[in-house]
Amino acid sequence: SLQAGLAVLLKAERLFHSSYHSQAVHIRPVCRGSHWFAQLPCGGFTDASCLAVSWELRQTLTVVFDFFSSGQGKKDWSLFKMFSRTLTDTCPLASQSKVYVDISPKNKEKELLEVSPPPTSVHEAIVQGDKKTYAVYDLLSPSLFNTSRSLNVQLKWKRPQDSSEMPIPTLHAQRYVGGYGLQTGEICTLIYNTHPYRAFPVILLETVPWYLRLYVHTLTIITKGKENKPS
């Protein structure tokens, strides 16, 4: 029953009509007690002395709403505009439940933004070499929900932008299909790093349909014209 916490926003017709959505379930074994062990990336253990194993379940939902293209170049948004719902309560089983809003614009002089209602705190972090500022809404804070028991986080721009173009992200990618059949058919993924001097590790996750057969021995990675080997 999706009746509390962030789950109330999971309205099917809004999620499936977004520009992109992805659901994932991650399950891995976690050793709770042993004399010495090392956990492998694939979820196994290098030592058989693990005395007790717990299973960790992690569910993720990623959704992208493109209001910039569908809203005549406006970047304003709100929870109600995206999900047709607002937050009304916290999940009673959650030990923490927070909403993060990126409030760090590229040009602070031209792009002045504001979020409402006022966040419970502000968090700063370094992401891909850039300093990011996030407005944090702690749903477990008793003072966050108003008398109407409704929280509609909104972001508005105080001043219109001089340009309607969106800033290019530091890391972005595009993919295309070339050739035909099993002999010459290929899938090409181009990954771009627009940072002036920094290099970043990249994890590429490809979702391959069941009817498409890929051969790992034909995988090639080219960086700046030279063949590269994945770590």
Protein backbone atom coordinates (compact mmCIF):
# COMPACT_ATOMS: atom_id res chain seq x y z
CA SER A 1 0.00 0.00 0.00
CA LEU A 2 1.56 3.30 -1.13
CA GLN A 3 -0.04 5.50 1.48
CA ALA A 4 2.85 7.20 3.28
CA GLY A 5 6.23 8.80 2.69
CA LEU A 6 7.75 9.35 -0.74
CA ALA A 7 5.78 6.38 -2.10
CA VAL A 8 2.62 8.51 -2.37
CA LEU A 9 4.26 10.20 -5.39
CA LEU A 10 4.40 6.93 -7.33
CA LYS A 11 1.43 7.58 -9.55
CA ALA A 12 1.66 5.23 -12.52
CA GLU A 13 0.22 7.48 -15.22
CA ARG A 14 2.62 10.28 -14.28
CA LEU A 15 5.72 8.09 -14.03
CA PHE A 16 5.17 6.17 -17.27
CA HIS A 17 4.50 9.37 -19.26
CA SER A 18 7.81 10.92 -18.20
CA SER A 19 10.79 11.31 -20.53
CA TYR A 20 12.64 8.44 -18.84
CA HIS A 21 11.98 6.02 -16.01
CA SER A 22 13.95 3.06 -14.70
CA GLN A 23 13.19 0.61 -11.90
CA ALA A 24 15.81 -1.66 -10.37
CA VAL A 25 16.09 -4.23 -7.61
CA HIS A 26 19.52 -4.97 -6.11
CA ILE A 27 20.04 -7.99 -3.84
CA ARG A 28 23.41 -8.93 -2.34
CA PRO A 29 24.71 -11.03 0.57
CA VAL A 30 26.32 -9.16 3.46
CA CYS A 31 28.43 -10.99 6.05
CA ARG A 32 27.31 -10.19 9.62
CA GLY A 33 30.01 -12.09 11.51
CA SER A 34 33.38 -13.67 10.72
CA HIS A 35 36.96 -13.69 11.89
CA TRP A 36 38.26 -12.33 8.60
CA PHE A 37 36.68 -11.93 5.21
CA ALA A 38 36.78 -9.81 2.09
CA GLN A 39 33.64 -9.14 0.10
CA LEU A 40 33.92 -9.33 -3.66
CA PRO A 41 32.20 -6.84 -6.01
CA CYS A 42 29.98 -9.62 -7.34
CA GLY A 43 28.63 -10.26 -3.84
CA GLY A 44 30.67 -13.35 -2.88
CA PHE A 45 33.29 -13.83 -0.19
CA THR A 46 36.93 -14.79 -0.48
CA ASP A 47 36.84 -16.68 2.82
CA ALA A 48 34.47 -19.40 3.99
CA SER A 49 34.62 -18.31 7.64
CA CYS A 50 31.57 -16.08 7.37
CA LEU A 51 29.38 -17.18 10.27
CA ALA A 52 26.14 -15.43 9.38
CA VAL A 53 24.91 -13.90 6.13
CA SER A 54 22.19 -11.29 5.73
CA TRP A 55 20.55 -10.35 2.45
CA GLU A 56 20.45 -6.66 1.56
CA LEU A 57 17.58 -5.47 -0.65
CA ARG A 58 17.80 -2.10 -2.40
CA GLN A 59 15.07 -0.79 -4.68
CA THR A 60 15.62 2.27 -6.85
CA LEU A 61 13.39 4.34 -9.09
CA THR A 62 14.84 6.90 -11.49
CA VAL A 63 12.53 9.33 -13.29
CA VAL A 64 13.33 12.25 -15.60
CA PHE A 65 10.75 14.98 -16.24
CA ASP A 66 11.58 17.36 -19.10
CA PHE A 67 9.57 20.47 -18.28
CA PHE A 68 12.09 22.69 -20.04
CA SER A 69 11.05 21.34 -23.46
CA SER A 70 7.35 20.85 -22.71
CA GLY A 71 6.90 24.11 -20.79
CA GLN A 72 8.00 26.66 -23.40
CA GLY A 73 11.53 26.93 -21.98
CA LYS A 74 10.50 27.41 -18.35
CA LYS A 75 12.55 25.66 -15.70
CA ASP A 76 10.07 26.13 -12.83
CA TRP A 77 8.76 22.91 -11.31
CA SER A 78 6.98 21.52 -8.26
CA LEU A 79 6.13 18.12 -6.83
CA PHE A 80 2.48 18.62 -7.74
CA LYS A 81 3.37 19.59 -11.31
CA MET A 82 5.43 16.43 -11.73
CA PHE A 83 3.41 13.84 -9.82
CA SER A 84 -0.06 15.44 -9.51
CA ARG A 85 0.34 14.82 -5.78
CA THR A 86 2.03 16.31 -2.74
CA LEU A 87 3.70 14.75 0.27
CA THR A 88 1.24 14.29 3.11
CA ASP A 89 3.05 12.19 5.71
CA THR A 90 6.21 10.27 6.51
CA CYS A 91 6.69 6.54 6.27
CA PRO A 92 6.39 5.16 9.82
CA LEU A 93 9.01 2.48 9.11
CA ALA A 94 11.66 4.80 7.64
CA SER A 95 14.71 5.66 9.74
CA GLN A 96 15.41 8.57 7.37
CA SER A 97 13.50 10.17 4.51
CA LYS A 98 14.84 13.25 2.76
CA VAL A 99 14.28 15.26 -0.42
CA TYR A 100 17.31 16.98 -1.99
CA VAL A 101 16.94 19.91 -4.39
CA ASP A 102 19.94 21.15 -6.37
CA ILE A 103 20.02 24.94 -5.89
CA SER A 104 23.51 25.60 -7.28
CA PRO A 105 23.11 27.43 -10.64
CA LYS A 106 25.93 27.85 -13.13
CA ASN A 107 25.79 31.65 -13.06
CA LYS A 108 24.68 33.02 -9.72
CA GLU A 109 24.36 36.59 -11.02
CA LYS A 110 21.93 35.83 -13.86
CA GLU A 111 20.09 32.76 -12.57
CA LEU A 112 18.57 33.52 -9.19
CA LEU A 113 16.36 30.72 -7.95
CA GLU A 114 14.33 30.10 -4.82
CA VAL A 115 12.71 27.05 -3.32
CA SER A 116 9.62 26.97 -1.16
CA PRO A 117 8.82 26.20 1.54
CA PRO A 118 12.13 26.97 3.28
CA PRO A 119 14.24 23.78 3.60
CA THR A 120 15.10 22.25 6.95
CA SER A 121 18.83 22.43 6.13
CA VAL A 122 21.35 23.11 3.35
CA HIS A 123 23.99 20.58 2.30
CA GLU A 124 27.15 21.26 0.28
CA ALA A 125 29.11 18.61 -1.60
CA ILE A 126 31.68 18.25 -4.38
CA VAL A 127 30.17 16.42 -7.37
CA GLN A 128 32.35 15.73 -10.42
CA GLY A 129 34.73 18.48 -9.39
CA ASP A 130 32.02 21.14 -8.99
CA LYS A 131 30.70 22.53 -5.73
CA LYS A 132 27.02 21.73 -5.36
CA THR A 133 24.50 23.17 -2.91
CA TYR A 134 21.39 21.22 -2.00
CA ALA A 135 18.27 22.27 -0.14
CA VAL A 136 17.34 19.37 2.14
CA TYR A 137 13.80 18.58 3.26
CA ASP A 138 13.82 16.13 6.18
CA LEU A 139 10.41 14.46 6.14
CA LEU A 140 10.95 13.24 9.72
CA SER A 141 11.14 16.82 10.96
CA PRO A 142 7.86 17.60 12.78
CA SER A 143 7.98 21.25 11.72
CA LEU A 144 8.18 20.52 7.99
CA PHE A 145 4.53 19.72 7.28
CA ASN A 146 2.19 22.67 7.65
CA THR A 147 -1.31 22.69 9.10
CA SER A 148 -2.78 21.38 5.85
CA ARG A 149 -0.57 18.26 6.11
CA SER A 150 0.74 18.88 2.61
CA LEU A 151 4.27 19.50 1.38
CA ASN A 152 4.64 20.76 -2.19
CA VAL A 153 8.30 21.52 -2.85
CA GLN A 154 8.59 24.19 -5.56
CA LEU A 155 11.47 25.77 -7.44
CA LYS A 156 11.05 29.13 -9.14
CA TRP A 157 13.37 31.48 -10.98
CA LYS A 158 13.26 35.08 -9.74
CA ARG A 159 14.43 36.49 -13.07
CA PRO A 160 14.05 35.19 -16.64
CA GLN A 161 17.17 33.82 -18.29
CA ASP A 162 18.92 35.68 -21.07
CA SER A 163 19.25 32.43 -23.01
CA SER A 164 16.81 29.55 -23.31
CA GLU A 165 19.57 27.00 -23.80
CA MET A 166 20.20 24.45 -21.10
CA PRO A 167 23.80 24.14 -19.82
CA ILE A 168 25.74 21.16 -21.17
CA PRO A 169 26.37 18.61 -18.38
CA THR A 170 29.91 17.59 -17.55
CA LEU A 171 29.23 13.97 -18.51
CA HIS A 172 26.68 13.07 -21.18
CA ALA A 173 26.24 10.26 -23.67
CA GLN A 174 24.46 9.26 -26.85
CA ARG A 175 23.95 5.89 -28.52
CA TYR A 176 23.17 4.77 -32.04
CA VAL A 177 22.86 1.50 -33.99
CA GLY A 178 24.91 0.87 -37.13
CA GLY A 179 25.15 -1.88 -39.72
CA TYR A 180 22.71 -4.77 -39.92
CA GLY A 181 22.51 -8.42 -38.92
CA LEU A 182 24.97 -10.40 -36.80
CA GLN A 183 27.84 -9.78 -39.23
CA THR A 184 28.00 -5.98 -39.42
CA GLY A 185 25.47 -4.86 -36.79
CA GLU A 186 26.89 -2.79 -33.95
CA ILE A 187 25.81 -0.60 -31.06
CA CYS A 188 27.92 2.50 -30.51
CA THR A 189 27.83 4.53 -27.30
CA LEU A 190 29.60 7.90 -27.25
CA ILE A 191 30.47 9.33 -23.82
CA TYR A 192 31.54 12.96 -23.58
CA ASN A 193 33.47 14.69 -20.80
CA THR A 194 33.21 18.47 -21.16
CA HIS A 195 35.27 19.30 -18.08
CA PRO A 196 38.29 21.41 -19.09
CA TYR A 197 40.89 19.26 -17.31
CA ARG A 198 39.41 16.54 -15.03
CA ALA A 199 38.99 12.86 -15.86
CA PHE A 200 36.20 10.81 -14.27
CA PRO A 201 35.62 7.09 -13.81
CA VAL A 202 32.59 5.92 -15.78
CA ILE A 203 30.36 2.93 -15.10
CA LEU A 204 28.32 2.01 -18.18
CA LEU A 205 25.18 -0.09 -17.66
CA GLU A 206 23.59 -1.37 -20.85
CA THR A 207 20.06 -2.78 -20.86
CA VAL A 208 20.00 -5.31 -23.68
CA PRO A 209 16.68 -6.74 -24.94
CA TRP A 210 16.33 -10.52 -24.86
CA TYR A 211 16.24 -10.86 -28.65
CA LEU A 212 19.59 -9.12 -29.16
CA ARG A 213 22.74 -11.24 -28.85
CA LEU A 214 25.96 -9.45 -27.96
CA TYR A 215 29.46 -10.90 -28.21
CA VAL A 216 31.84 -9.62 -25.54
CA HIS A 217 34.94 -10.53 -27.56
CA THR A 218 33.93 -7.89 -30.14
CA LEU A 219 33.83 -5.10 -27.54
CA THR A 220 36.16 -2.20 -28.36
CA ILE A 221 36.72 0.98 -26.34
CA ILE A 222 38.34 3.94 -28.09
CA THR A 223 39.56 7.00 -26.15
CA LYS A 224 41.04 9.91 -28.09
CA GLY A 225 41.69 7.67 -31.07
CA LYS A 226 43.48 4.96 -29.07
CA GLU A 227 42.09 1.65 -27.85
CA ASN A 228 41.44 1.59 -24.12
CA LYS A 229 40.96 -1.32 -21.72
CA PRO A 230 38.28 -1.19 -19.00
CA SER A 231 39.47 -1.62 -15.43
